[in-house]
PDB file of N, CA and C in Angstrom:
ATOM      1  N   MET A   1       1.995  61.137 -49.561  1.00  0.00           N
ATOM      2  CA  MET A   1       1.892  59.755 -49.946  1.00  0.00           C
ATOM      3  C   MET A   1       2.154  58.832 -48.760  1.00  0.00           C
ATOM      4  N   ALA A   2       3.063  59.200 -47.888  1.00  0.00           N
ATOM      5  CA  ALA A   2       3.371  58.396 -46.710  1.00  0.00           C
ATOM      6  C   ALA A   2       2.180  58.351 -45.775  1.00  0.00           C
ATOM      7  N   ILE A   3       1.436  59.446 -45.678  1.00  0.00           N
ATOM      8  CA  ILE A   3       0.246  59.478 -44.819  1.00  0.00           C
ATOM      9  C   ILE A   3      -0.813  58.523 -45.371  1.00  0.00           C
ATOM     10  N   PHE A   4      -0.977  58.487 -46.692  1.00  0.00           N
ATOM     11  CA  PHE A   4      -1.951  57.603 -47.316  1.00  0.00           C
ATOM     12  C   PHE A   4      -1.603  56.140 -47.043  1.00  0.00           C
ATOM     13  N   LYS A   5      -0.350  55.774 -47.172  1.00  0.00           N
ATOM     14  CA  LYS A   5       0.080  54.395 -46.908  1.00  0.00           C
ATOM     15  C   LYS A   5      -0.122  54.036 -45.438  1.00  0.00           C
ATOM     16  N   THR A   6       0.157  54.969 -44.538  1.00  0.00           N
ATOM     17  CA  THR A   6      -0.033  54.730 -43.108  1.00  0.00           C
ATOM     18  C   THR A   6      -1.514  54.547 -42.792  1.00  0.00           C
ATOM     19  N   LEU A   7      -2.364  55.393 -43.387  1.00  0.00           N
ATOM     20  CA  LEU A   7      -3.809  55.295 -43.181  1.00  0.00           C
ATOM     21  C   LEU A   7      -4.337  53.967 -43.719  1.00  0.00           C
ATOM     22  N   LEU A   8      -3.906  53.580 -44.897  1.00  0.00           N
ATOM     23  CA  LEU A   8      -4.341  52.314 -45.497  1.00  0.00           C
ATOM     24  C   LEU A   8      -3.886  51.122 -44.647  1.00  0.00           C
ATOM     25  N   ALA A   9      -2.672  51.145 -44.170  1.00  0.00           N
ATOM     26  CA  ALA A   9      -2.165  50.072 -43.319  1.00  0.00           C
ATOM     27  C   ALA A   9      -2.945  50.007 -42.011  1.00  0.00           C
ATOM     28  N   SER A  10      -3.294  51.159 -41.443  1.00  0.00           N
ATOM     29  CA  SER A  10      -4.075  51.197 -40.198  1.00  0.00           C
ATOM     30  C   SER A  10      -5.458  50.602 -40.398  1.00  0.00           C
ATOM     31  N   ILE A  11      -6.089  50.922 -41.519  1.00  0.00           N
ATOM     32  CA  ILE A  11      -7.428  50.385 -41.811  1.00  0.00           C
ATOM     33  C   ILE A  11      -7.354  48.866 -41.979  1.00  0.00           C
ATOM     34  N   LEU A  12      -6.363  48.387 -42.708  1.00  0.00           N
ATOM     35  CA  LEU A  12      -6.229  46.942 -42.906  1.00  0.00           C
ATOM     36  C   LEU A  12      -5.959  46.215 -41.590  1.00  0.00           C
ATOM     37  N   ILE A  13      -5.098  46.772 -40.769  1.00  0.00           N
ATOM     38  CA  ILE A  13      -4.793  46.153 -39.474  1.00  0.00           C
ATOM     39  C   ILE A  13      -6.028  46.139 -38.582  1.00  0.00           C
ATOM     40  N   SER A  14      -6.800  47.232 -38.586  1.00  0.00           N
ATOM     41  CA  SER A  14      -8.012  47.268 -37.755  1.00  0.00           C
ATOM     42  C   SER A  14      -9.040  46.252 -38.248  1.00  0.00           C
ATOM     43  N   GLN A  15      -9.159  46.052 -39.564  1.00  0.00           N
ATOM     44  CA  GLN A  15     -10.078  45.052 -40.105  1.00  0.00           C
ATOM     45  C   GLN A  15      -9.657  43.638 -39.687  1.00  0.00           C
ATOM     46  N   VAL A  16      -8.384  43.369 -39.729  1.00  0.00           N
ATOM     47  CA  VAL A  16      -7.876  42.058 -39.317  1.00  0.00           C
ATOM     48  C   VAL A  16      -8.168  41.827 -37.838  1.00  0.00           C
ATOM     49  N   ILE A  17      -7.979  42.844 -37.017  1.00  0.00           N
ATOM     50  CA  ILE A  17      -8.253  42.725 -35.578  1.00  0.00           C
ATOM     51  C   ILE A  17      -9.732  42.453 -35.339  1.00  0.00           C
ATOM     52  N   VAL A  18     -10.622  43.169 -36.052  1.00  0.00           N
ATOM     53  CA  VAL A  18     -12.069  42.956 -35.899  1.00  0.00           C
ATOM     54  C   VAL A  18     -12.434  41.521 -36.277  1.00  0.00           C
ATOM     55  N   ILE A  19     -11.895  41.023 -37.373  1.00  0.00           N
ATOM     56  CA  ILE A  19     -12.196  39.652 -37.811  1.00  0.00           C
ATOM     57  C   ILE A  19     -11.701  38.637 -36.780  1.00  0.00           C
ATOM     58  N   LEU A  20     -10.513  38.839 -36.246  1.00  0.00           N
ATOM     59  CA  LEU A  20      -9.977  37.918 -35.242  1.00  0.00           C
ATOM     60  C   LEU A  20     -10.814  37.928 -33.969  1.00  0.00           C
ATOM     61  N   VAL A  21     -11.257  39.106 -33.533  1.00  0.00           N
ATOM     62  CA  VAL A  21     -12.075  39.198 -32.322  1.00  0.00           C
ATOM     63  C   VAL A  21     -13.415  38.511 -32.535  1.00  0.00           C
ATOM     64  N   GLU A  22     -14.037  38.710 -33.709  1.00  0.00           N
ATOM     65  CA  GLU A  22     -15.322  38.061 -33.989  1.00  0.00           C
ATOM     66  C   GLU A  22     -15.181  36.544 -34.024  1.00  0.00           C
ATOM     67  N   SER A  23     -14.139  36.041 -34.653  1.00  0.00           N
ATOM     68  CA  SER A  23     -13.969  34.586 -34.718  1.00  0.00           C
ATOM     69  C   SER A  23     -13.676  34.010 -33.336  1.00  0.00           C
ATOM     70  N   ASP A  24     -12.921  34.747 -32.528  1.00  0.00           N
ATOM     71  CA  ASP A  24     -12.638  34.317 -31.158  1.00  0.00           C
ATOM     72  C   ASP A  24     -13.925  34.265 -30.343  1.00  0.00           C
ATOM     73  N   THR A  25     -14.796  35.256 -30.548  1.00  0.00           N
ATOM     74  CA  THR A  25     -16.075  35.296 -29.838  1.00  0.00           C
ATOM     75  C   THR A  25     -16.931  34.094 -30.220  1.00  0.00           C
ATOM     76  N   MET A  26     -16.943  33.726 -31.496  1.00  0.00           N
ATOM     77  CA  MET A  26     -17.728  32.576 -31.940  1.00  0.00           C
ATOM     78  C   MET A  26     -17.190  31.282 -31.334  1.00  0.00           C
ATOM     79  N   VAL A  27     -15.873  31.151 -31.251  1.00  0.00           N
ATOM     80  CA  VAL A  27     -15.277  29.947 -30.666  1.00  0.00           C
ATOM     81  C   VAL A  27     -15.646  29.844 -29.198  1.00  0.00           C
ATOM     82  N   ILE A  28     -15.548  30.949 -28.472  1.00  0.00           N
ATOM     83  CA  ILE A  28     -15.885  30.946 -27.045  1.00  0.00           C
ATOM     84  C   ILE A  28     -17.365  30.652 -26.857  1.00  0.00           C
ATOM     85  N   LYS A  29     -18.213  31.231 -27.692  1.00  0.00           N
ATOM     86  CA  LYS A  29     -19.660  30.993 -27.598  1.00  0.00           C
ATOM     87  C   LYS A  29     -19.969  29.511 -27.806  1.00  0.00           C
ATOM     88  N   ASN A  30     -19.345  28.891 -28.793  1.00  0.00           N
ATOM     89  CA  ASN A  30     -19.575  27.468 -29.050  1.00  0.00           C
ATOM     90  C   ASN A  30     -19.054  26.597 -27.920  1.00  0.00           C
ATOM     91  N   MET A  31     -17.957  27.018 -27.287  1.00  0.00           N
ATOM     92  CA  MET A  31     -17.419  26.243 -26.173  1.00  0.00           C
ATOM     93  C   MET A  31     -18.341  26.311 -24.971  1.00  0.00           C
ATOM     94  N   VAL A  32     -18.944  27.474 -24.732  1.00  0.00           N
ATOM     95  CA  VAL A  32     -19.831  27.646 -23.584  1.00  0.00           C
ATOM     96  C   VAL A  32     -21.140  26.914 -23.810  1.00  0.00           C
ATOM     97  N   GLU A  33     -21.726  27.095 -24.986  1.00  0.00           N
ATOM     98  CA  GLU A  33     -23.020  26.478 -25.275  1.00  0.00           C
ATOM     99  C   GLU A  33     -22.881  25.002 -25.592  1.00  0.00           C
ATOM    100  N   GLY A  34     -21.785  24.624 -26.171  1.00  0.00           N
ATOM    101  CA  GLY A  34     -21.596  23.239 -26.572  1.00  0.00           C
ATOM    102  C   GLY A  34     -22.361  22.973 -27.847  1.00  0.00           C
ATOM    103  N   PRO A  35     -22.100  21.868 -28.459  1.00  0.00           N
ATOM    104  CA  PRO A  35     -22.818  21.544 -29.684  1.00  0.00           C
ATOM    105  C   PRO A  35     -24.279  21.260 -29.368  1.00  0.00           C
ATOM    106  N   SER A  36     -25.141  21.659 -30.267  1.00  0.00           N
ATOM    107  CA  SER A  36     -26.561  21.426 -30.036  1.00  0.00           C
ATOM    108  C   SER A  36     -26.841  19.939 -30.214  1.00  0.00           C
ATOM    109  N   PRO A  37     -27.387  19.298 -29.192  1.00  0.00           N
ATOM    110  CA  PRO A  37     -27.652  17.861 -29.293  1.00  0.00           C
ATOM    111  C   PRO A  37     -28.810  17.602 -30.248  1.00  0.00           C
ATOM    112  N   ASN A  38     -28.681  16.536 -30.997  1.00  0.00           N
ATOM    113  CA  ASN A  38     -29.773  16.147 -31.870  1.00  0.00           C
ATOM    114  C   ASN A  38     -30.844  15.496 -31.014  1.00  0.00           C
ATOM    115  N   PRO A  39     -32.074  15.980 -31.117  1.00  0.00           N
ATOM    116  CA  PRO A  39     -33.120  15.348 -30.311  1.00  0.00           C
ATOM    117  C   PRO A  39     -33.334  13.914 -30.773  1.00  0.00           C
ATOM    118  N   SER A  40     -33.352  13.002 -29.822  1.00  0.00           N
ATOM    119  CA  SER A  40     -33.544  11.609 -30.177  1.00  0.00           C
ATOM    120  C   SER A  40     -35.007  11.390 -30.539  1.00  0.00           C
ATOM    121  N   PRO A  41     -35.254  10.627 -31.565  1.00  0.00           N
ATOM    122  CA  PRO A  41     -36.640  10.401 -31.954  1.00  0.00           C
ATOM    123  C   PRO A  41     -37.370   9.622 -30.872  1.00  0.00           C
ATOM    124  N   SER A  42     -38.598  10.021 -30.622  1.00  0.00           N
ATOM    125  CA  SER A  42     -39.368   9.334 -29.593  1.00  0.00           C
ATOM    126  C   SER A  42     -39.770   7.954 -30.111  1.00  0.00           C
ATOM    127  N   PRO A  43     -39.800   6.972 -29.221  1.00  0.00           N
ATOM    128  CA  PRO A  43     -40.168   5.629 -29.666  1.00  0.00           C
ATOM    129  C   PRO A  43     -41.620   5.619 -30.124  1.00  0.00           C
ATOM    130  N   PRO A  44     -41.931   4.774 -31.089  1.00  0.00           N
ATOM    131  CA  PRO A  44     -43.309   4.738 -31.572  1.00  0.00           C
ATOM    132  C   PRO A  44     -44.250   4.273 -30.464  1.00  0.00           C
ATOM    133  N   THR A  45     -45.390   4.922 -30.376  1.00  0.00           N
ATOM    134  CA  THR A  45     -46.366   4.530 -29.361  1.00  0.00           C
ATOM    135  C   THR A  45     -47.221   3.396 -29.912  1.00  0.00           C
ATOM    136  N   ILE A  46     -47.706   2.569 -29.012  1.00  0.00           N
ATOM    137  CA  ILE A  46     -48.529   1.438 -29.440  1.00  0.00           C
ATOM    138  C   ILE A  46     -49.987   1.734 -29.116  1.00  0.00           C
ATOM    139  N   ASN A  47     -50.868   0.987 -29.712  1.00  0.00           N
ATOM    140  CA  ASN A  47     -52.299   1.116 -29.463  1.00  0.00           C
ATOM    141  C   ASN A  47     -52.616   0.321 -28.198  1.00  0.00           C
ATOM    142  N   CYS A  48     -52.645   1.008 -27.063  1.00  0.00           N
ATOM    143  CA  CYS A  48     -52.837   0.319 -25.784  1.00  0.00           C
ATOM    144  C   CYS A  48     -54.201  -0.359 -25.692  1.00  0.00           C
ATOM    145  N   ASP A  49     -55.240   0.280 -26.229  1.00  0.00           N
ATOM    146  CA  ASP A  49     -56.574  -0.338 -26.154  1.00  0.00           C
ATOM    147  C   ASP A  49     -56.590  -1.680 -26.884  1.00  0.00           C
ATOM    148  N   GLY A  50     -56.033  -1.702 -28.085  1.00  0.00           N
ATOM    149  CA  GLY A  50     -56.006  -2.939 -28.864  1.00  0.00           C
ATOM    150  C   GLY A  50     -55.135  -4.010 -28.227  1.00  0.00           C
ATOM    151  N   GLU A  51     -53.957  -3.599 -27.769  1.00  0.00           N
ATOM    152  CA  GLU A  51     -53.038  -4.560 -27.146  1.00  0.00           C
ATOM    153  C   GLU A  51     -53.616  -5.119 -25.851  1.00  0.00           C
ATOM    154  N   CYS A  52     -54.274  -4.269 -25.056  1.00  0.00           N
ATOM    155  CA  CYS A  52     -54.845  -4.751 -23.794  1.00  0.00           C
ATOM    156  C   CYS A  52     -56.084  -5.613 -24.031  1.00  0.00           C
ATOM    157  N   SER A  53     -56.834  -5.315 -25.082  1.00  0.00           N
ATOM    158  CA  SER A  53     -57.971  -6.186 -25.420  1.00  0.00           C
ATOM    159  C   SER A  53     -57.466  -7.575 -25.772  1.00  0.00           C
ATOM    160  N   ARG A  54     -56.383  -7.632 -26.537  1.00  0.00           N
ATOM    161  CA  ARG A  54     -55.783  -8.916 -26.894  1.00  0.00           C
ATOM    162  C   ARG A  54     -55.256  -9.625 -25.657  1.00  0.00           C
ATOM    163  N   ARG A  55     -54.564  -8.885 -24.792  1.00  0.00           N
ATOM    164  CA  ARG A  55     -53.952  -9.472 -23.596  1.00  0.00           C
ATOM    165  C   ARG A  55     -55.013 -10.005 -22.636  1.00  0.00           C
ATOM    166  N   CYS A  56     -56.143  -9.322 -22.552  1.00  0.00           N
ATOM    167  CA  CYS A  56     -57.164  -9.652 -21.545  1.00  0.00           C
ATOM    168  C   CYS A  56     -58.343 -10.450 -22.095  1.00  0.00           C
ATOM    169  N   GLU A  57     -58.244 -10.948 -23.320  1.00  0.00           N
ATOM    170  CA  GLU A  57     -59.400 -11.609 -23.928  1.00  0.00           C
ATOM    171  C   GLU A  57     -59.828 -12.881 -23.191  1.00  0.00           C
ATOM    172  N   LEU A  58     -58.931 -13.566 -22.506  1.00  0.00           N
ATOM    173  CA  LEU A  58     -59.290 -14.791 -21.785  1.00  0.00           C
ATOM    174  C   LEU A  58     -59.463 -14.568 -20.286  1.00  0.00           C
ATOM    175  N   SER A  59     -59.389 -13.328 -19.848  1.00  0.00           N
ATOM    176  CA  SER A  59     -59.485 -13.034 -18.415  1.00  0.00           C
ATOM    177  C   SER A  59     -60.904 -13.267 -17.901  1.00  0.00           C
ATOM    178  N   SER A  60     -61.002 -13.706 -16.647  1.00  0.00           N
ATOM    179  CA  SER A  60     -62.327 -13.889 -16.044  1.00  0.00           C
ATOM    180  C   SER A  60     -62.935 -12.536 -15.680  1.00  0.00           C
ATOM    181  N   ARG A  61     -62.106 -11.502 -15.541  1.00  0.00           N
ATOM    182  CA  ARG A  61     -62.584 -10.144 -15.237  1.00  0.00           C
ATOM    183  C   ARG A  61     -61.973  -9.186 -16.261  1.00  0.00           C
ATOM    184  N   PRO A  62     -62.511  -9.190 -17.485  1.00  0.00           N
ATOM    185  CA  PRO A  62     -61.878  -8.436 -18.569  1.00  0.00           C
ATOM    186  C   PRO A  62     -61.803  -6.924 -18.329  1.00  0.00           C
ATOM    187  N   ASN A  63     -62.820  -6.327 -17.707  1.00  0.00           N
ATOM    188  CA  ASN A  63     -62.790  -4.879 -17.480  1.00  0.00           C
ATOM    189  C   ASN A  63     -61.671  -4.489 -16.517  1.00  0.00           C
ATOM    190  N   LEU A  64     -61.523  -5.248 -15.431  1.00  0.00           N
ATOM    191  CA  LEU A  64     -60.461  -4.988 -14.464  1.00  0.00           C
ATOM    192  C   LEU A  64     -59.091  -5.207 -15.117  1.00  0.00           C
ATOM    193  N   CYS A  65     -58.983  -6.263 -15.897  1.00  0.00           N
ATOM    194  CA  CYS A  65     -57.736  -6.581 -16.590  1.00  0.00           C
ATOM    195  C   CYS A  65     -57.361  -5.460 -17.555  1.00  0.00           C
ATOM    196  N   LYS A  66     -58.328  -4.984 -18.345  1.00  0.00           N
ATOM    197  CA  LYS A  66     -58.047  -3.925 -19.323  1.00  0.00           C
ATOM    198  C   LYS A  66     -57.657  -2.616 -18.645  1.00  0.00           C
ATOM    199  N   ARG A  67     -58.277  -2.330 -17.508  1.00  0.00           N
ATOM    200  CA  ARG A  67     -57.943  -1.093 -16.799  1.00  0.00           C
ATOM    201  C   ARG A  67     -56.505  -1.148 -16.277  1.00  0.00           C
ATOM    202  N   ALA A  68     -56.135  -2.268 -15.651  1.00  0.00           N
ATOM    203  CA  ALA A  68     -54.771  -2.413 -15.135  1.00  0.00           C
ATOM    204  C   ALA A  68     -53.764  -2.452 -16.283  1.00  0.00           C
ATOM    205  N   CYS A  69     -54.082  -3.172 -17.321  1.00  0.00           N
ATOM    206  CA  CYS A  69     -53.201  -3.274 -18.482  1.00  0.00           C
ATOM    207  C   CYS A  69     -53.023  -1.905 -19.136  1.00  0.00           C
ATOM    208  N   GLY A  70     -54.099  -1.141 -19.230  1.00  0.00           N
ATOM    209  CA  GLY A  70     -54.032   0.189 -19.837  1.00  0.00           C
ATOM    210  C   GLY A  70     -53.094   1.109 -19.082  1.00  0.00           C
ATOM    211  N   THR A  71     -53.159   1.062 -17.747  1.00  0.00           N
ATOM    212  CA  THR A  71     -52.255   1.878 -16.925  1.00  0.00           C
ATOM    213  C   THR A  71     -50.808   1.476 -17.177  1.00  0.00           C
ATOM    214  N   CYS A  72     -50.552   0.184 -17.180  1.00  0.00           N
ATOM    215  CA  CYS A  72     -49.183  -0.308 -17.393  1.00  0.00           C
ATOM    216  C   CYS A  72     -48.693   0.018 -18.803  1.00  0.00           C
ATOM    217  N   CYS A  73     -49.555  -0.117 -19.778  1.00  0.00           N
ATOM    218  CA  CYS A  73     -49.185   0.155 -21.163  1.00  0.00           C
ATOM    219  C   CYS A  73     -48.843   1.630 -21.352  1.00  0.00           C
ATOM    220  N   GLU A  74     -49.630   2.516 -20.755  1.00  0.00           N
ATOM    221  CA  GLU A  74     -49.359   3.954 -20.873  1.00  0.00           C
ATOM    222  C   GLU A  74     -48.009   4.306 -20.265  1.00  0.00           C
ATOM    223  N   ARG A  75     -47.665   3.693 -19.147  1.00  0.00           N
ATOM    224  CA  ARG A  75     -46.398   4.000 -18.479  1.00  0.00           C
ATOM    225  C   ARG A  75     -45.207   3.357 -19.183  1.00  0.00           C
ATOM    226  N   CYS A  76     -45.377   2.138 -19.684  1.00  0.00           N
ATOM    227  CA  CYS A  76     -44.248   1.384 -20.241  1.00  0.00           C
ATOM    228  C   CYS A  76     -44.180   1.416 -21.765  1.00  0.00           C
ATOM    229  N   ASN A  77     -45.280   1.735 -22.414  1.00  0.00           N
ATOM    230  CA  ASN A  77     -45.382   1.735 -23.870  1.00  0.00           C
ATOM    231  C   ASN A  77     -45.071   0.352 -24.455  1.00  0.00           C
ATOM    232  N   CYS A  78     -45.483  -0.682 -23.731  1.00  0.00           N
ATOM    233  CA  CYS A  78     -45.357  -2.039 -24.259  1.00  0.00           C
ATOM    234  C   CYS A  78     -46.310  -2.950 -23.494  1.00  0.00           C
ATOM    235  N   VAL A  79     -46.715  -4.023 -24.164  1.00  0.00           N
ATOM    236  CA  VAL A  79     -47.547  -5.064 -23.559  1.00  0.00           C
ATOM    237  C   VAL A  79     -46.973  -6.390 -24.039  1.00  0.00           C
ATOM    238  N   PRO A  80     -46.673  -7.319 -23.130  1.00  0.00           N
ATOM    239  CA  PRO A  80     -46.114  -8.605 -23.559  1.00  0.00           C
ATOM    240  C   PRO A  80     -47.079  -9.371 -24.461  1.00  0.00           C
ATOM    241  N   SER A  81     -46.541 -10.228 -25.306  1.00  0.00           N
ATOM    242  CA  SER A  81     -47.382 -11.026 -26.193  1.00  0.00           C
ATOM    243  C   SER A  81     -48.127 -12.086 -25.392  1.00  0.00           C
ATOM    244  N   GLY A  82     -49.125 -12.661 -26.005  1.00  0.00           N
ATOM    245  CA  GLY A  82     -49.902 -13.707 -25.350  1.00  0.00           C
ATOM    246  C   GLY A  82     -50.901 -13.138 -24.362  1.00  0.00           C
ATOM    247  N   THR A  83     -51.615 -14.041 -23.697  1.00  0.00           N
ATOM    248  CA  THR A  83     -52.627 -13.613 -22.733  1.00  0.00           C
ATOM    249  C   THR A  83     -52.145 -13.726 -21.300  1.00  0.00           C
ATOM    250  N   ASN A  84     -50.966 -14.291 -21.102  1.00  0.00           N
ATOM    251  CA  ASN A  84     -50.432 -14.436 -19.750  1.00  0.00           C
ATOM    252  C   ASN A  84     -48.919 -14.643 -19.832  1.00  0.00           C
ATOM    253  N   GLY A  85     -48.197 -14.174 -18.823  1.00  0.00           N
ATOM    254  CA  GLY A  85     -46.752 -14.387 -18.778  1.00  0.00           C
ATOM    255  C   GLY A  85     -45.998 -13.545 -19.795  1.00  0.00           C
ATOM    256  N   HIS A  86     -44.880 -14.066 -20.269  1.00  0.00           N
ATOM    257  CA  HIS A  86     -43.998 -13.398 -21.237  1.00  0.00           C
ATOM    258  C   HIS A  86     -43.506 -12.045 -20.726  1.00  0.00           C
ATOM    259  N   TYR A  87     -43.318 -11.921 -19.411  1.00  0.00           N
ATOM    260  CA  TYR A  87     -42.900 -10.644 -18.830  1.00  0.00           C
ATOM    261  C   TYR A  87     -41.497 -10.229 -19.279  1.00  0.00           C
ATOM    262  N   GLU A  88     -40.670 -11.183 -19.698  1.00  0.00           N
ATOM    263  CA  GLU A  88     -39.312 -10.836 -20.117  1.00  0.00           C
ATOM    264  C   GLU A  88     -39.303  -9.929 -21.351  1.00  0.00           C
ATOM    265  N   GLU A  89     -40.400  -9.903 -22.096  1.00  0.00           N
ATOM    266  CA  GLU A  89     -40.485  -9.045 -23.280  1.00  0.00           C
ATOM    267  C   GLU A  89     -40.616  -7.572 -22.917  1.00  0.00           C
ATOM    268  N   CYS A  90     -41.075  -7.300 -21.716  1.00  0.00           N
ATOM    269  CA  CYS A  90     -41.327  -5.922 -21.303  1.00  0.00           C
ATOM    270  C   CYS A  90     -40.972  -5.775 -19.829  1.00  0.00           C
ATOM    271  N   PRO A  91     -39.695  -5.534 -19.502  1.00  0.00           N
ATOM    272  CA  PRO A  91     -39.263  -5.474 -18.097  1.00  0.00           C
ATOM    273  C   PRO A  91     -40.012  -4.432 -17.274  1.00  0.00           C
ATOM    274  N   CYS A  92     -40.315  -3.283 -17.860  1.00  0.00           N
ATOM    275  CA  CYS A  92     -41.044  -2.244 -17.127  1.00  0.00           C
ATOM    276  C   CYS A  92     -42.400  -2.787 -16.686  1.00  0.00           C
ATOM    277  N   TYR A  93     -43.071  -3.474 -17.579  1.00  0.00           N
ATOM    278  CA  TYR A  93     -44.381  -4.056 -17.320  1.00  0.00           C
ATOM    279  C   TYR A  93     -44.270  -5.091 -16.202  1.00  0.00           C
ATOM    280  N   ALA A  94     -43.199  -5.862 -16.229  1.00  0.00           N
ATOM    281  CA  ALA A  94     -43.005  -6.927 -15.242  1.00  0.00           C
ATOM    282  C   ALA A  94     -42.646  -6.388 -13.867  1.00  0.00           C
ATOM    283  N   ASN A  95     -41.964  -5.247 -13.802  1.00  0.00           N
ATOM    284  CA  ASN A  95     -41.474  -4.725 -12.525  1.00  0.00           C
ATOM    285  C   ASN A  95     -42.483  -3.875 -11.769  1.00  0.00           C
ATOM    286  N   MET A  96     -43.608  -3.559 -12.361  1.00  0.00           N
ATOM    287  CA  MET A  96     -44.621  -2.774 -11.648  1.00  0.00           C
ATOM    288  C   MET A  96     -45.354  -3.680 -10.668  1.00  0.00           C
ATOM    289  N   THR A  97     -45.405  -3.241  -9.411  1.00  0.00           N
ATOM    290  CA  THR A  97     -46.081  -4.040  -8.386  1.00  0.00           C
ATOM    291  C   THR A  97     -47.061  -3.176  -7.609  1.00  0.00           C
ATOM    292  N   THR A  98     -47.993  -3.842  -6.954  1.00  0.00           N
ATOM    293  CA  THR A  98     -48.948  -3.152  -6.086  1.00  0.00           C
ATOM    294  C   THR A  98     -48.281  -2.910  -4.738  1.00  0.00           C
ATOM    295  N   HIS A  99     -48.995  -2.232  -3.845  1.00  0.00           N
ATOM    296  CA  HIS A  99     -48.455  -1.997  -2.504  1.00  0.00           C
ATOM    297  C   HIS A  99     -48.229  -3.315  -1.768  1.00  0.00           C
ATOM    298  N   GLY A 100     -48.981  -4.343  -2.142  1.00  0.00           N
ATOM    299  CA  GLY A 100     -48.827  -5.652  -1.509  1.00  0.00           C
ATOM    300  C   GLY A 100     -47.706  -6.485  -2.111  1.00  0.00           C
ATOM    301  N   GLY A 101     -47.015  -5.963  -3.128  1.00  0.00           N
ATOM    302  CA  GLY A 101     -45.909  -6.691  -3.731  1.00  0.00           C
ATOM    303  C   GLY A 101     -46.308  -7.623  -4.861  1.00  0.00           C
ATOM    304  N   ARG A 102     -47.568  -7.602  -5.273  1.00  0.00           N
ATOM    305  CA  ARG A 102     -48.022  -8.456  -6.373  1.00  0.00           C
ATOM    306  C   ARG A 102     -47.861  -7.718  -7.698  1.00  0.00           C
ATOM    307  N   HIS A 103     -47.835  -8.485  -8.800  1.00  0.00           N
ATOM    308  CA  HIS A 103     -47.752  -7.857 -10.122  1.00  0.00           C
ATOM    309  C   HIS A 103     -48.957  -6.949 -10.332  1.00  0.00           C
ATOM    310  N   LYS A 104     -48.700  -5.722 -10.736  1.00  0.00           N
ATOM    311  CA  LYS A 104     -49.777  -4.785 -11.026  1.00  0.00           C
ATOM    312  C   LYS A 104     -50.364  -5.074 -12.404  1.00  0.00           C
ATOM    313  N   CYS A 105     -49.487  -5.455 -13.325  1.00  0.00           N
ATOM    314  CA  CYS A 105     -49.890  -5.608 -14.715  1.00  0.00           C
ATOM    315  C   CYS A 105     -50.262  -7.054 -15.024  1.00  0.00           C
ATOM    316  N   PRO A 106     -51.408  -7.253 -15.680  1.00  0.00           N
ATOM    317  CA  PRO A 106     -51.859  -8.617 -15.996  1.00  0.00           C
ATOM    318  C   PRO A 106     -51.023  -9.260 -17.087  1.00  0.00           C
TER     319      PRO A 106
END
């Protein structure tokens, strides 16, 4: 009977040790990997063709205006309101310049 009690106690102790080692492994794994970051939702994309058509409707060179506006819109994902100015609405659009230092975006 004493052997049975010793065997049962040994099995229980070994089970407790296995559970503790597994939980310790999970804690260490989470510390190394860190919490999984939630992917931030991508900002909604705008219709660059439509926005640039609106922006360039009064331009004397509409094709050139739409091409430049399209490039800026694709990079910045925004086009200022109106047909001219309003650069404060879209800082990325306002900060793009040509090699000569002029505004790239109409």
